[in-house]
Amino acid sequence: MTLHPILAALRKHKAGAFLIGLQIALTLAIVCNIVFYVAQQVQKIQRPTGLDENNLFLVTQSFVGAPGGDAPAAVEQRDALQLTDLATLRGLPDVADASAVSSLPLLRSGNTVQVALKPDQAHGMATANWFAGDQQVLKTLGLRLIAGRGFTDADVIHRASGGKRWPAVVIVTKALADKLFPAGDALGKPIYLDGAGSPCTIVGVVGAMLTAFPDSTGAWVGRSVLAPLRYDDADTLYAVRAKPGRLQAAMHSARKALFASNPLRVIQSDGRYSQSGIHSFAELRVMGYAVDRFMVQVLTVVCLILLAVTAVGMTGLTSFWVAQRHKQIGIRRALGATRTNILHYFQVENLLIAGGGCVAGIVLAVGINLALMRVFAMDRMPVWYVIVGVLVVLALGQLAVFAPARRASNVPPVVATRSV
């Protein structure tokens, strides 16, 4: 089959060929960038937190009538209430351990600190996530200690959340240790938090601990500081590890035991959590990435709609051309063209249009990606996304024109004589 008759036919139908080529170009450019963004979001949703998430749950509660203020007596009284709760939780038959925490990865609530190697530095060498917990926090969260030691009872201090007293020791993640001490000698080194004049000594290094903010990206999301600190506030968070296979039983018994210990409390729900205020980490993961999952679903539907509309456009245009050329097809059949020749004619015609659209789409896809990189700091899209996109669009075009092209191949030669 020569291309001359196809090119001659396309020159007579410039508008239709141009419009469908433009549609293909826009579809290719948009779909490639959407798929790349969706892939990044899926990768973000699946990234590990560093915790042993199985059998882990969180209790969110508030004491009713607890004394307020930062007076030492009030702080000690709130701390006594919290210690009683921890003893109650640790004493449950379905609970392996519990710890008071300030936040957890993906919780969308937490703090960051500036970490420096010298005292009184206004701007540190790194920004890090800040997590507080007691001597049982590593065991409760299942954090993997790769160097040094965990916290002891003597390391733990307690204060109201608004206080400025820093603990004497901290545990950091490997990502933060490598940033601060590239030589790998972080253990025993002092660091200074938020411009403090007194140091915190690194006594341990854990493998990883993800930020409390699921939307965060970049290297800093794995840089965390874990402090032996118990916040004495009326609102508290307790991370609890259930014994294997006893998660639901432990969550149920925890609520009953806490109210039995002190009924003057609210196990709260603030809209993010389940109504009981006691929720598994699996629930926290789902809720933390709820917006991202919704965006992935919406953008996936958008991609499918774009591809479907483009396929319908190609099918419609080919069907229109088949109807227009009905007599010419019959003449070609009468002159000896086979059904396969007619079928291939329309497939090659579509391939030329789709190929031209793909060339423009490649340029447009790269341009959109460069604009997104500049405006939204997105990553550069790998070239194989565009290559796969081109192959998908070309294959889609061939499928879209197959039905009308097959109808054209079934036109009988006698059609050529009907108007004679």
Protein backbone atom coordinates (compact mmCIF):
# COMPACT_ATOMS: atom_id res chain seq x y z
CA MET A 1 0.00 0.00 0.00
CA THR A 2 1.35 3.43 -1.03
CA LEU A 3 0.91 6.49 1.16
CA HIS A 4 0.07 8.84 -1.72
CA PRO A 5 -3.70 8.12 -1.80
CA ILE A 6 -3.90 8.45 2.00
CA LEU A 7 -2.02 11.76 2.04
CA ALA A 8 -4.13 13.06 -0.82
CA ALA A 9 -7.33 12.18 1.09
CA LEU A 10 -6.04 13.84 4.26
CA ARG A 11 -5.25 17.04 2.32
CA LYS A 12 -8.91 17.17 1.32
CA HIS A 13 -9.99 16.79 4.97
CA LYS A 14 -7.47 19.05 6.70
CA ALA A 15 -9.86 20.36 9.34
CA GLY A 16 -10.96 16.96 10.61
CA ALA A 17 -7.41 15.58 10.61
CA PHE A 18 -6.09 18.69 12.40
CA LEU A 19 -8.77 18.66 15.09
CA ILE A 20 -8.40 14.96 15.90
CA GLY A 21 -4.59 15.35 15.89
CA LEU A 22 -4.90 18.27 18.32
CA GLN A 23 -7.18 16.21 20.54
CA ILE A 24 -4.63 13.39 20.54
CA ALA A 25 -1.80 15.80 21.41
CA LEU A 26 -3.69 17.31 24.32
CA THR A 27 -4.75 13.89 25.60
CA LEU A 28 -1.20 12.54 25.43
CA ALA A 29 0.27 15.57 27.21
CA ILE A 30 -2.34 15.68 29.96
CA VAL A 31 -2.52 11.92 30.54
CA CYS A 32 1.28 11.53 30.75
CA ASN A 33 1.56 14.25 33.39
CA ILE A 34 -1.46 13.01 35.33
CA VAL A 35 -0.17 9.43 35.36
CA PHE A 36 3.23 10.65 36.56
CA TYR A 37 1.60 12.68 39.35
CA VAL A 38 -0.65 9.75 40.33
CA ALA A 39 2.37 7.42 40.45
CA GLN A 40 4.11 9.85 42.79
CA GLN A 41 1.03 10.04 45.01
CA VAL A 42 0.71 6.25 45.15
CA GLN A 43 4.39 5.99 46.06
CA LYS A 44 3.84 8.57 48.81
CA ILE A 45 0.81 6.70 50.17
CA GLN A 46 2.75 3.44 50.31
CA ARG A 47 5.91 4.80 51.95
CA PRO A 48 6.74 3.14 55.29
CA THR A 49 6.38 5.10 58.52
CA GLY A 50 9.22 3.32 60.32
CA LEU A 51 6.76 1.98 62.91
CA ASP A 52 5.64 -1.59 63.37
CA GLU A 53 2.08 -0.72 62.43
CA ASN A 54 0.48 -4.07 63.17
CA ASN A 55 -1.42 -4.18 66.50
CA LEU A 56 -0.72 -0.48 67.17
CA PHE A 57 -3.53 1.88 68.16
CA LEU A 58 -3.93 5.39 69.54
CA VAL A 59 -6.06 6.69 72.39
CA THR A 60 -7.05 10.37 72.15
CA GLN A 61 -8.59 11.68 75.37
CA SER A 62 -9.02 14.72 77.62
CA PHE A 63 -9.21 14.98 81.40
CA VAL A 64 -12.26 16.84 82.72
CA GLY A 65 -11.66 19.17 85.65
CA ALA A 66 -7.88 18.78 85.60
CA PRO A 67 -6.10 21.88 86.97
CA GLY A 68 -4.92 24.29 84.31
CA GLY A 69 -1.89 26.54 84.07
CA ASP A 70 1.85 25.98 84.33
CA ALA A 71 2.10 26.10 88.11
CA PRO A 72 4.28 23.22 89.38
CA ALA A 73 1.47 21.74 91.49
CA ALA A 74 -0.93 21.73 88.52
CA VAL A 75 1.67 20.14 86.25
CA GLU A 76 2.41 17.43 88.82
CA GLN A 77 -1.28 16.68 89.26
CA ARG A 78 -1.83 16.28 85.51
CA ASP A 79 1.28 14.12 85.31
CA ALA A 80 -0.08 11.87 88.06
CA LEU A 81 -3.31 11.41 86.09
CA GLN A 82 -1.33 10.48 83.00
CA LEU A 83 0.90 8.01 84.86
CA THR A 84 -2.20 6.34 86.28
CA ASP A 85 -3.61 5.95 82.76
CA LEU A 86 -0.37 4.43 81.49
CA ALA A 87 -0.26 1.95 84.36
CA THR A 88 -3.89 1.04 83.63
CA LEU A 89 -3.20 0.44 79.93
CA ARG A 90 -0.02 -1.55 80.54
CA GLY A 91 -1.86 -3.75 82.99
CA LEU A 92 -4.49 -4.93 80.49
CA PRO A 93 -4.16 -8.60 79.49
CA ASP A 94 -4.42 -7.79 75.75
CA VAL A 95 -1.86 -4.97 75.83
CA ALA A 96 1.86 -5.52 75.27
CA ASP A 97 2.95 -1.93 76.06
CA ALA A 98 1.88 1.71 76.05
CA SER A 99 3.52 5.11 75.93
CA ALA A 100 2.42 8.72 76.20
CA VAL A 101 3.29 10.44 72.91
CA SER A 102 3.05 13.95 71.48
CA SER A 103 2.18 12.77 67.98
CA LEU A 104 2.62 9.91 65.53
CA PRO A 105 3.53 9.70 61.86
CA LEU A 106 0.62 10.63 59.54
CA LEU A 107 -1.39 12.15 62.41
CA ARG A 108 -1.46 15.63 60.78
CA SER A 109 -0.61 17.18 64.13
CA GLY A 110 2.89 17.75 65.42
CA ASN A 111 5.90 20.04 65.64
CA THR A 112 9.19 20.62 63.88
CA VAL A 113 12.49 21.83 65.29
CA GLN A 114 15.62 23.43 63.91
CA VAL A 115 18.65 21.27 64.71
CA ALA A 116 22.08 22.91 65.06
CA LEU A 117 25.54 21.77 66.11
CA LYS A 118 26.36 24.98 67.95
CA PRO A 119 24.51 26.75 70.76
CA ASP A 120 22.27 29.76 70.15
CA GLN A 121 22.12 29.29 66.39
CA ALA A 122 19.00 30.92 65.02
CA HIS A 123 19.02 28.68 61.92
CA GLY A 124 20.05 25.09 62.27
CA MET A 125 21.66 22.70 59.85
CA ALA A 126 18.44 20.76 59.37
CA THR A 127 14.71 20.89 59.99
CA ALA A 128 13.43 17.81 61.79
CA ASN A 129 10.15 16.35 62.97
CA TRP A 130 9.69 16.43 66.74
CA PHE A 131 8.21 13.48 68.63
CA ALA A 132 8.02 13.04 72.39
CA GLY A 133 7.56 9.78 74.28
CA ASP A 134 8.54 8.03 77.48
CA GLN A 135 10.91 5.17 78.26
CA GLN A 136 8.61 2.62 76.56
CA VAL A 137 8.19 4.51 73.31
CA LEU A 138 10.59 2.46 71.18
CA LYS A 139 9.02 -0.83 72.20
CA THR A 140 5.50 0.51 71.85
CA LEU A 141 6.00 1.96 68.39
CA GLY A 142 8.22 -0.86 67.20
CA LEU A 143 10.98 1.51 66.10
CA ARG A 144 14.15 -0.26 64.94
CA LEU A 145 17.17 0.83 66.99
CA ILE A 146 20.28 0.52 64.80
CA ALA A 147 22.82 2.15 67.14
CA GLY A 148 23.07 3.23 70.74
CA ARG A 149 20.37 2.69 73.34
CA GLY A 150 16.76 3.51 74.10
CA PHE A 151 15.45 5.78 76.82
CA THR A 152 15.57 4.92 80.52
CA ASP A 153 13.33 6.10 83.35
CA ALA A 154 16.04 8.53 84.40
CA ASP A 155 16.07 10.15 80.93
CA VAL A 156 12.38 11.06 80.93
CA ILE A 157 11.33 14.54 81.98
CA HIS A 158 7.84 15.97 82.10
CA ARG A 159 6.44 19.45 81.62
CA ALA A 160 3.52 21.31 80.11
CA SER A 161 3.63 21.58 76.33
CA GLY A 162 4.33 25.31 76.53
CA GLY A 163 7.48 24.85 78.61
CA LYS A 164 11.00 25.45 77.32
CA ARG A 165 12.92 22.77 79.17
CA TRP A 166 14.68 20.36 76.80
CA PRO A 167 15.64 16.79 77.73
CA ALA A 168 19.31 15.97 78.17
CA VAL A 169 19.28 13.13 75.61
CA VAL A 170 17.51 12.38 72.33
CA ILE A 171 17.23 9.66 69.73
CA VAL A 172 17.44 10.64 66.05
CA THR A 173 16.68 8.88 62.79
CA LYS A 174 19.48 7.70 60.54
CA ALA A 175 18.50 10.26 57.91
CA LEU A 176 19.00 13.11 60.39
CA ALA A 177 22.19 11.58 61.82
CA ASP A 178 23.66 11.31 58.31
CA LYS A 179 22.72 14.91 57.57
CA LEU A 180 24.31 16.26 60.76
CA PHE A 181 27.27 13.86 60.95
CA PRO A 182 28.16 12.49 57.50
CA ALA A 183 31.10 10.57 58.96
CA GLY A 184 28.66 8.32 60.83
CA ASP A 185 29.76 9.32 64.33
CA ALA A 186 26.48 10.76 65.64
CA LEU A 187 26.35 8.75 68.89
CA GLY A 188 27.38 10.81 71.90
CA LYS A 189 27.40 14.07 69.96
CA PRO A 190 25.53 17.14 71.25
CA ILE A 191 22.89 18.93 69.20
CA TYR A 192 20.96 22.13 69.88
CA LEU A 193 17.23 22.43 69.23
CA ASP A 194 15.51 25.65 68.16
CA GLY A 195 18.43 27.87 69.12
CA ALA A 196 18.71 26.53 72.67
CA GLY A 197 21.85 27.22 74.63
CA SER A 198 21.96 23.79 76.32
CA PRO A 199 22.71 20.62 74.31
CA CYS A 200 20.84 17.37 73.88
CA THR A 201 23.13 14.35 73.53
CA ILE A 202 22.34 11.73 70.89
CA VAL A 203 22.13 8.37 72.66
CA GLY A 204 20.47 6.33 69.95
CA VAL A 205 19.77 6.13 66.21
CA VAL A 206 16.66 4.50 64.73
CA GLY A 207 16.18 3.40 61.16
CA ALA A 208 13.33 5.70 60.18
CA MET A 209 10.36 7.67 61.48
CA LEU A 210 8.13 9.45 59.01
CA THR A 211 6.77 12.95 59.56
CA ALA A 212 3.40 13.60 61.19
CA PHE A 213 2.36 15.50 58.07
CA PRO A 214 1.40 13.15 55.21
CA ASP A 215 1.55 15.89 52.58
CA SER A 216 5.23 16.55 53.23
CA THR A 217 7.80 15.56 50.63
CA GLY A 218 11.54 15.86 50.25
CA ALA A 219 14.49 14.61 52.27
CA TRP A 220 13.38 16.22 55.52
CA VAL A 221 10.31 13.97 55.98
CA GLY A 222 12.54 11.18 57.29
CA ARG A 223 14.54 13.41 59.64
CA SER A 224 13.08 13.07 63.12
CA VAL A 225 14.06 13.71 66.72
CA LEU A 226 12.56 11.53 69.45
CA ALA A 227 12.73 13.03 72.94
CA PRO A 228 12.20 11.40 76.38
CA LEU A 229 9.49 13.85 77.30
CA ARG A 230 5.98 13.52 78.69
CA TYR A 231 3.69 16.48 78.10
CA ASP A 232 1.48 17.20 81.11
CA ASP A 233 -1.62 18.65 79.51
CA ALA A 234 -5.31 17.97 79.91
CA ASP A 235 -5.35 16.53 76.37
CA THR A 236 -3.24 13.41 76.00
CA LEU A 237 -2.29 10.83 73.40
CA TYR A 238 -1.46 7.25 74.33
CA ALA A 239 0.14 4.93 71.79
CA VAL A 240 -0.71 1.34 72.71
CA ARG A 241 0.62 -1.92 71.29
CA ALA A 242 -1.77 -4.85 71.55
CA LYS A 243 -0.56 -8.40 71.80
CA PRO A 244 -0.49 -10.20 68.42
CA GLY A 245 -4.00 -10.85 67.15
CA ARG A 246 -5.65 -9.00 70.06
CA LEU A 247 -6.00 -5.52 68.56
CA GLN A 248 -9.79 -5.24 68.63
CA ALA A 249 -10.03 -6.75 72.09
CA ALA A 250 -7.34 -4.39 73.41
CA MET A 251 -9.05 -1.33 71.89
CA HIS A 252 -12.35 -2.32 73.49
CA SER A 253 -10.87 -3.08 76.90
CA ALA A 254 -8.75 0.10 76.91
CA ARG A 255 -11.80 2.33 76.78
CA LYS A 256 -13.57 0.46 79.57
CA ALA A 257 -10.47 0.37 81.77
CA LEU A 258 -9.72 4.08 81.38
CA PHE A 259 -13.25 5.10 82.31
CA ALA A 260 -13.21 2.67 85.23
CA SER A 261 -9.96 4.23 86.43
CA ASN A 262 -11.17 7.81 86.08
CA PRO A 263 -14.60 8.62 84.63
CA LEU A 264 -13.82 12.35 84.55
CA ARG A 265 -12.53 12.28 81.00
CA VAL A 266 -13.65 12.57 77.40
CA ILE A 267 -12.35 10.02 74.93
CA GLN A 268 -12.85 12.39 72.12
CA SER A 269 -13.59 12.56 68.44
CA ASP A 270 -12.52 15.70 66.61
CA GLY A 271 -13.72 14.73 63.16
CA ARG A 272 -10.55 12.96 62.09
CA TYR A 273 -10.95 9.93 64.29
CA SER A 274 -13.56 7.28 64.93
CA GLN A 275 -16.35 8.13 67.35
CA SER A 276 -14.74 6.18 70.20
CA GLY A 277 -11.53 8.23 70.06
CA ILE A 278 -9.62 4.94 69.99
CA HIS A 279 -8.39 4.01 66.55
CA SER A 280 -5.95 1.58 65.01
CA PHE A 281 -2.91 2.80 63.11
CA ALA A 282 -4.42 1.29 59.99
CA GLU A 283 -7.29 3.77 60.40
CA LEU A 284 -4.82 6.61 60.92
CA ARG A 285 -3.03 5.65 57.70
CA VAL A 286 -6.29 5.64 55.75
CA MET A 287 -7.38 8.99 57.20
CA GLY A 288 -3.94 10.55 56.82
CA TYR A 289 -3.90 9.86 53.10
CA ALA A 290 -7.65 10.31 52.48
CA VAL A 291 -7.15 13.45 50.37
CA ASP A 292 -4.35 11.83 48.38
CA ARG A 293 -6.44 8.74 47.69
CA PHE A 294 -9.34 10.91 46.57
CA MET A 295 -7.08 12.84 44.20
CA VAL A 296 -5.69 9.59 42.78
CA GLN A 297 -9.21 8.31 42.15
CA VAL A 298 -10.41 11.56 40.58
CA LEU A 299 -7.37 11.92 38.33
CA THR A 300 -7.58 8.28 37.28
CA VAL A 301 -11.19 8.84 36.22
CA VAL A 302 -10.13 12.01 34.36
CA CYS A 303 -7.48 10.03 32.46
CA LEU A 304 -9.98 7.34 31.51
CA ILE A 305 -12.50 9.96 30.36
CA LEU A 306 -9.87 11.73 28.23
CA LEU A 307 -8.80 8.48 26.60
CA ALA A 308 -12.41 7.45 26.04
CA VAL A 309 -13.34 10.82 24.48
CA THR A 310 -10.29 10.67 22.22
CA ALA A 311 -11.15 7.11 21.16
CA VAL A 312 -14.74 8.13 20.43
CA GLY A 313 -13.47 11.09 18.41
CA MET A 314 -11.25 8.87 16.28
CA THR A 315 -14.06 6.34 15.83
CA GLY A 316 -16.53 9.07 14.86
CA LEU A 317 -14.17 10.70 12.36
CA THR A 318 -13.35 7.39 10.68
CA SER A 319 -17.03 6.43 10.56
CA PHE A 320 -17.82 9.79 8.92
CA TRP A 321 -15.09 9.30 6.34
CA VAL A 322 -16.25 5.74 5.63
CA ALA A 323 -19.77 7.04 4.97
CA GLN A 324 -18.40 9.80 2.72
CA ARG A 325 -16.22 7.42 0.71
CA HIS A 326 -18.75 4.62 0.39
CA LYS A 327 -18.79 4.74 -3.41
CA GLN A 328 -15.00 5.16 -3.69
CA ILE A 329 -14.52 2.10 -1.49
CA GLY A 330 -16.83 0.13 -3.79
CA ILE A 331 -14.84 1.27 -6.82
CA ARG A 332 -11.60 0.13 -5.19
CA ARG A 333 -13.18 -3.22 -4.41
CA ALA A 334 -14.34 -3.51 -8.01
CA LEU A 335 -10.78 -2.77 -9.18
CA GLY A 336 -9.43 -5.64 -7.11
CA ALA A 337 -8.77 -4.28 -3.60
CA THR A 338 -9.29 -6.92 -0.94
CA ARG A 339 -11.04 -6.48 2.37
CA THR A 340 -7.63 -6.50 4.04
CA ASN A 341 -6.43 -3.67 1.76
CA ILE A 342 -9.41 -1.51 2.77
CA LEU A 343 -8.97 -2.32 6.44
CA HIS A 344 -5.26 -1.45 6.31
CA TYR A 345 -5.97 1.79 4.44
CA PHE A 346 -8.01 3.24 7.29
CA GLN A 347 -5.65 1.87 9.94
CA VAL A 348 -2.63 3.49 8.28
CA GLU A 349 -4.59 6.71 7.83
CA ASN A 350 -5.34 6.77 11.55
CA LEU A 351 -1.74 5.91 12.34
CA LEU A 352 -0.53 8.95 10.41
CA ILE A 353 -2.99 11.27 12.16
CA ALA A 354 -2.24 9.79 15.59
CA GLY A 355 1.50 9.90 14.89
CA GLY A 356 1.36 13.60 14.06
CA GLY A 357 -0.72 14.24 17.18
CA CYS A 358 1.79 12.29 19.29
CA VAL A 359 4.72 14.36 18.01
CA ALA A 360 2.95 17.53 19.10
CA GLY A 361 1.82 15.80 22.32
CA ILE A 362 5.40 14.88 23.26
CA VAL A 363 6.48 18.53 23.02
CA LEU A 364 3.42 19.64 24.97
CA ALA A 365 3.88 16.96 27.66
CA VAL A 366 7.49 17.99 28.27
CA GLY A 367 6.49 21.66 28.35
CA ILE A 368 3.73 21.04 30.90
CA ASN A 369 6.10 19.03 33.07
CA LEU A 370 8.73 21.79 32.96
CA ALA A 371 6.08 24.35 33.96
CA LEU A 372 4.93 22.16 36.86
CA MET A 373 8.53 21.75 37.98
CA ARG A 374 9.02 25.50 38.03
CA VAL A 375 5.70 26.45 39.65
CA PHE A 376 4.97 23.49 41.96
CA ALA A 377 8.47 21.99 42.42
CA MET A 378 7.39 18.68 40.92
CA ASP A 379 9.97 16.11 39.85
CA ARG A 380 11.08 15.74 36.24
CA MET A 381 8.94 13.23 34.40
CA PRO A 382 11.00 10.25 33.16
CA VAL A 383 11.03 9.86 29.38
CA TRP A 384 9.55 6.37 29.53
CA TYR A 385 6.22 7.83 30.70
CA VAL A 386 5.98 9.66 27.37
CA ILE A 387 7.10 6.62 25.39
CA VAL A 388 4.49 4.41 27.05
CA GLY A 389 1.90 7.16 26.55
CA VAL A 390 2.64 7.30 22.83
CA LEU A 391 2.31 3.53 22.49
CA VAL A 392 -0.98 3.57 24.42
CA VAL A 393 -2.42 6.36 22.26
CA LEU A 394 -1.35 4.68 19.01
CA ALA A 395 -2.80 1.35 20.16
CA LEU A 396 -5.98 3.11 21.27
CA GLY A 397 -6.28 4.71 17.83
CA GLN A 398 -5.96 1.37 16.09
CA LEU A 399 -8.64 -0.14 18.31
CA ALA A 400 -10.90 2.90 17.84
CA VAL A 401 -10.86 2.70 14.03
CA PHE A 402 -11.05 -1.06 13.75
CA ALA A 403 -14.87 -1.27 13.79
CA PRO A 404 -15.53 1.45 11.14
CA ALA A 405 -12.58 0.21 9.06
CA ARG A 406 -14.02 -3.31 9.18
CA ARG A 407 -17.38 -1.97 8.03
CA ALA A 408 -15.58 -0.25 5.16
CA SER A 409 -13.84 -3.51 4.21
CA ASN A 410 -17.24 -5.20 3.94
CA VAL A 411 -18.53 -2.75 1.31
CA PRO A 412 -19.29 -4.89 -1.78
CA PRO A 413 -17.93 -4.01 -5.25
CA VAL A 414 -21.47 -3.68 -6.60
CA VAL A 415 -21.80 -0.36 -4.74
CA ALA A 416 -19.66 1.20 -7.48
CA THR A 417 -22.41 0.58 -10.08
CA ARG A 418 -25.50 1.65 -8.16
CA SER A 419 -25.51 5.24 -9.44
CA VAL A 420 -24.71 4.30 -13.05
